[in-house]
């Protein structure tokens, strides 16, 4: 009887921990922009940011934070590359209006990359 009680407690403990263990916490990484960039229709000033996202795939919510406050919220595509990036890289494309548009962020020693399309909405 005692062993049944312990077995029931152990099973309940495992069931309670399983969702917490399977839930993926948000990913985050710090980055620095040396110049302002356009993200969709919004302009992101130069500076140091923490970038947060959760999950993989298309239309993943991405936040740019400065001093703990959200500066810009947008969506992007989170992809896994074949091998980790050697260093942090921010790739931009010059627009017709001579502004720099954010296209991709690679994080050093990580395989995830954030991709932004020209039609991304920045808020």
C-alpha atoms as a PDB file:
ATOM      1  CA  UNK A   1       0.000   0.000   0.000  1.00  0.00           C
ATOM      2  CA  UNK A   2       2.806   2.368   0.885  1.00  0.00           C
ATOM      3  CA  UNK A   3       4.490   1.726  -2.448  1.00  0.00           C
ATOM      4  CA  UNK A   4       1.213   2.449  -4.285  1.00  0.00           C
ATOM      5  CA  UNK A   5       1.002   5.786  -2.506  1.00  0.00           C
ATOM      6  CA  UNK A   6       4.569   6.704  -3.500  1.00  0.00           C
ATOM      7  CA  UNK A   7       3.968   5.531  -7.048  1.00  0.00           C
ATOM      8  CA  UNK A   8       0.865   7.727  -7.267  1.00  0.00           C
ATOM      9  CA  UNK A   9       2.790  10.723  -5.906  1.00  0.00           C
ATOM     10  CA  UNK A  10       5.627  10.125  -8.356  1.00  0.00           C
ATOM     11  CA  UNK A  11       3.183   9.875 -11.273  1.00  0.00           C
ATOM     12  CA  UNK A  12       1.455  13.104 -10.220  1.00  0.00           C
ATOM     13  CA  UNK A  13       4.825  14.851  -9.916  1.00  0.00           C
ATOM     14  CA  UNK A  14       5.841  13.740 -13.427  1.00  0.00           C
ATOM     15  CA  UNK A  15       2.514  14.891 -14.879  1.00  0.00           C
ATOM     16  CA  UNK A  16       2.905  18.314 -13.281  1.00  0.00           C
ATOM     17  CA  UNK A  17       6.470  18.747 -14.501  1.00  0.00           C
ATOM     18  CA  UNK A  18       5.910  17.554 -18.070  1.00  0.00           C
ATOM     19  CA  UNK A  19       4.205  20.726 -19.403  1.00  0.00           C
ATOM     20  CA  UNK A  20       6.816  22.913 -17.720  1.00  0.00           C
ATOM     21  CA  UNK A  21       9.639  20.815 -19.122  1.00  0.00           C
ATOM     22  CA  UNK A  22       8.175  20.837 -22.618  1.00  0.00           C
ATOM     23  CA  UNK A  23       7.328  24.541 -22.656  1.00  0.00           C
ATOM     24  CA  UNK A  24      10.059  26.390 -24.485  1.00  0.00           C
ATOM     25  CA  UNK A  25      11.096  29.590 -22.864  1.00  0.00           C
ATOM     26  CA  UNK A  26      11.565  32.576 -25.093  1.00  0.00           C
ATOM     27  CA  UNK A  27      14.851  32.986 -26.885  1.00  0.00           C
ATOM     28  CA  UNK A  28      16.778  36.206 -26.494  1.00  0.00           C
ATOM     29  CA  UNK A  29      20.073  37.693 -27.555  1.00  0.00           C
ATOM     30  CA  UNK A  30      21.754  41.065 -27.272  1.00  0.00           C
ATOM     31  CA  UNK A  31      22.785  42.962 -30.372  1.00  0.00           C
ATOM     32  CA  UNK A  32      24.166  46.323 -31.403  1.00  0.00           C
ATOM     33  CA  UNK A  33      23.086  48.462 -34.349  1.00  0.00           C
ATOM     34  CA  UNK A  34      25.730  50.925 -35.520  1.00  0.00           C
ATOM     35  CA  UNK A  35      23.227  52.839 -37.618  1.00  0.00           C
ATOM     36  CA  UNK A  36      19.443  53.196 -37.779  1.00  0.00           C
ATOM     37  CA  UNK A  37      17.576  50.550 -39.776  1.00  0.00           C
ATOM     38  CA  UNK A  38      14.117  50.272 -41.217  1.00  0.00           C
ATOM     39  CA  UNK A  39      12.022  47.340 -40.008  1.00  0.00           C
ATOM     40  CA  UNK A  40       8.877  47.295 -42.106  1.00  0.00           C
ATOM     41  CA  UNK A  41       7.407  50.775 -41.850  1.00  0.00           C
ATOM     42  CA  UNK A  42       9.191  51.589 -38.563  1.00  0.00           C
ATOM     43  CA  UNK A  43      12.654  53.014 -37.997  1.00  0.00           C
ATOM     44  CA  UNK A  44      14.852  51.398 -35.330  1.00  0.00           C
ATOM     45  CA  UNK A  45      17.507  53.837 -34.042  1.00  0.00           C
ATOM     46  CA  UNK A  46      21.160  52.845 -33.643  1.00  0.00           C
ATOM     47  CA  UNK A  47      21.993  51.410 -30.234  1.00  0.00           C
ATOM     48  CA  UNK A  48      22.133  48.313 -28.066  1.00  0.00           C
ATOM     49  CA  UNK A  49      19.088  46.043 -27.974  1.00  0.00           C
ATOM     50  CA  UNK A  50      17.886  42.776 -26.558  1.00  0.00           C
ATOM     51  CA  UNK A  51      15.965  40.786 -29.167  1.00  0.00           C
ATOM     52  CA  UNK A  52      13.307  38.318 -27.951  1.00  0.00           C
ATOM     53  CA  UNK A  53      11.363  35.686 -29.891  1.00  0.00           C
ATOM     54  CA  UNK A  54       9.700  32.356 -29.210  1.00  0.00           C
ATOM     55  CA  UNK A  55       9.618  29.373 -31.506  1.00  0.00           C
ATOM     56  CA  UNK A  56      10.589  28.656 -35.089  1.00  0.00           C
ATOM     57  CA  UNK A  57       8.881  29.214 -38.416  1.00  0.00           C
ATOM     58  CA  UNK A  58       7.176  32.062 -40.235  1.00  0.00           C
ATOM     59  CA  UNK A  59       5.387  35.017 -38.631  1.00  0.00           C
ATOM     60  CA  UNK A  60       7.105  34.609 -35.259  1.00  0.00           C
ATOM     61  CA  UNK A  61       6.609  37.609 -32.924  1.00  0.00           C
ATOM     62  CA  UNK A  62       9.924  39.423 -32.384  1.00  0.00           C
ATOM     63  CA  UNK A  63      10.574  42.237 -29.917  1.00  0.00           C
ATOM     64  CA  UNK A  64      13.438  44.717 -29.764  1.00  0.00           C
ATOM     65  CA  UNK A  65      13.959  45.950 -26.190  1.00  0.00           C
ATOM     66  CA  UNK A  66      16.112  48.745 -24.795  1.00  0.00           C
ATOM     67  CA  UNK A  67      16.480  49.272 -21.045  1.00  0.00           C
ATOM     68  CA  UNK A  68      13.798  46.626 -20.462  1.00  0.00           C
ATOM     69  CA  UNK A  69      11.179  48.437 -22.557  1.00  0.00           C
ATOM     70  CA  UNK A  70       9.858  47.265 -25.912  1.00  0.00           C
ATOM     71  CA  UNK A  71      11.002  49.693 -28.593  1.00  0.00           C
ATOM     72  CA  UNK A  72       9.649  47.755 -31.583  1.00  0.00           C
ATOM     73  CA  UNK A  73       7.427  44.696 -32.049  1.00  0.00           C
ATOM     74  CA  UNK A  74       7.282  42.944 -35.385  1.00  0.00           C
ATOM     75  CA  UNK A  75       7.107  39.492 -36.938  1.00  0.00           C
ATOM     76  CA  UNK A  76       9.791  37.627 -38.780  1.00  0.00           C
ATOM     77  CA  UNK A  77      10.867  34.205 -39.834  1.00  0.00           C
ATOM     78  CA  UNK A  78      13.035  32.175 -37.459  1.00  0.00           C
ATOM     79  CA  UNK A  79      15.095  29.567 -39.285  1.00  0.00           C
ATOM     80  CA  UNK A  80      17.726  27.063 -38.239  1.00  0.00           C
ATOM     81  CA  UNK A  81      20.881  27.181 -40.336  1.00  0.00           C
ATOM     82  CA  UNK A  82      23.094  24.202 -41.137  1.00  0.00           C
ATOM     83  CA  UNK A  83      25.871  25.426 -38.857  1.00  0.00           C
ATOM     84  CA  UNK A  84      26.205  28.077 -36.153  1.00  0.00           C
ATOM     85  CA  UNK A  85      27.229  31.597 -37.143  1.00  0.00           C
ATOM     86  CA  UNK A  86      30.821  32.432 -36.240  1.00  0.00           C
ATOM     87  CA  UNK A  87      29.864  35.875 -34.916  1.00  0.00           C
ATOM     88  CA  UNK A  88      26.891  38.189 -34.570  1.00  0.00           C
ATOM     89  CA  UNK A  89      25.894  39.603 -37.959  1.00  0.00           C
ATOM     90  CA  UNK A  90      23.246  42.141 -38.924  1.00  0.00           C
ATOM     91  CA  UNK A  91      22.492  42.112 -42.646  1.00  0.00           C
ATOM     92  CA  UNK A  92      20.812  45.101 -44.246  1.00  0.00           C
ATOM     93  CA  UNK A  93      19.735  46.134 -47.725  1.00  0.00           C
ATOM     94  CA  UNK A  94      19.689  49.708 -48.971  1.00  0.00           C
ATOM     95  CA  UNK A  95      16.218  50.831 -50.044  1.00  0.00           C
ATOM     96  CA  UNK A  96      15.367  53.090 -52.985  1.00  0.00           C
ATOM     97  CA  UNK A  97      15.070  55.966 -50.519  1.00  0.00           C
ATOM     98  CA  UNK A  98      18.669  55.301 -49.360  1.00  0.00           C
ATOM     99  CA  UNK A  99      17.649  53.898 -45.944  1.00  0.00           C
ATOM    100  CA  UNK A 100      19.014  50.641 -44.580  1.00  0.00           C
ATOM    101  CA  UNK A 101      16.363  47.906 -44.265  1.00  0.00           C
ATOM    102  CA  UNK A 102      16.925  45.054 -41.793  1.00  0.00           C
ATOM    103  CA  UNK A 103      17.001  41.707 -43.594  1.00  0.00           C
ATOM    104  CA  UNK A 104      18.626  39.174 -41.277  1.00  0.00           C
ATOM    105  CA  UNK A 105      20.184  38.778 -37.849  1.00  0.00           C
ATOM    106  CA  UNK A 106      22.593  35.912 -37.172  1.00  0.00           C
ATOM    107  CA  UNK A 107      23.776  35.283 -33.626  1.00  0.00           C
ATOM    108  CA  UNK A 108      27.310  34.099 -32.938  1.00  0.00           C
ATOM    109  CA  UNK A 109      27.619  30.423 -31.996  1.00  0.00           C
ATOM    110  CA  UNK A 110      23.894  29.819 -32.614  1.00  0.00           C
ATOM    111  CA  UNK A 111      22.115  28.167 -35.527  1.00  0.00           C
ATOM    112  CA  UNK A 112      18.952  30.290 -35.313  1.00  0.00           C
ATOM    113  CA  UNK A 113      18.652  33.290 -37.604  1.00  0.00           C
ATOM    114  CA  UNK A 114      15.931  35.937 -37.771  1.00  0.00           C
ATOM    115  CA  UNK A 115      14.758  36.911 -41.265  1.00  0.00           C
ATOM    116  CA  UNK A 116      12.731  40.023 -42.041  1.00  0.00           C
ATOM    117  CA  UNK A 117      10.886  40.581 -45.306  1.00  0.00           C
ATOM    118  CA  UNK A 118      10.413  44.000 -46.910  1.00  0.00           C
ATOM    119  CA  UNK A 119       6.710  43.686 -46.057  1.00  0.00           C
ATOM    120  CA  UNK A 120       7.316  43.108 -42.326  1.00  0.00           C
ATOM    121  CA  UNK A 121       5.208  45.384 -40.160  1.00  0.00           C
ATOM    122  CA  UNK A 122       7.102  47.152 -37.415  1.00  0.00           C
ATOM    123  CA  UNK A 123       5.059  48.671 -34.615  1.00  0.00           C
END
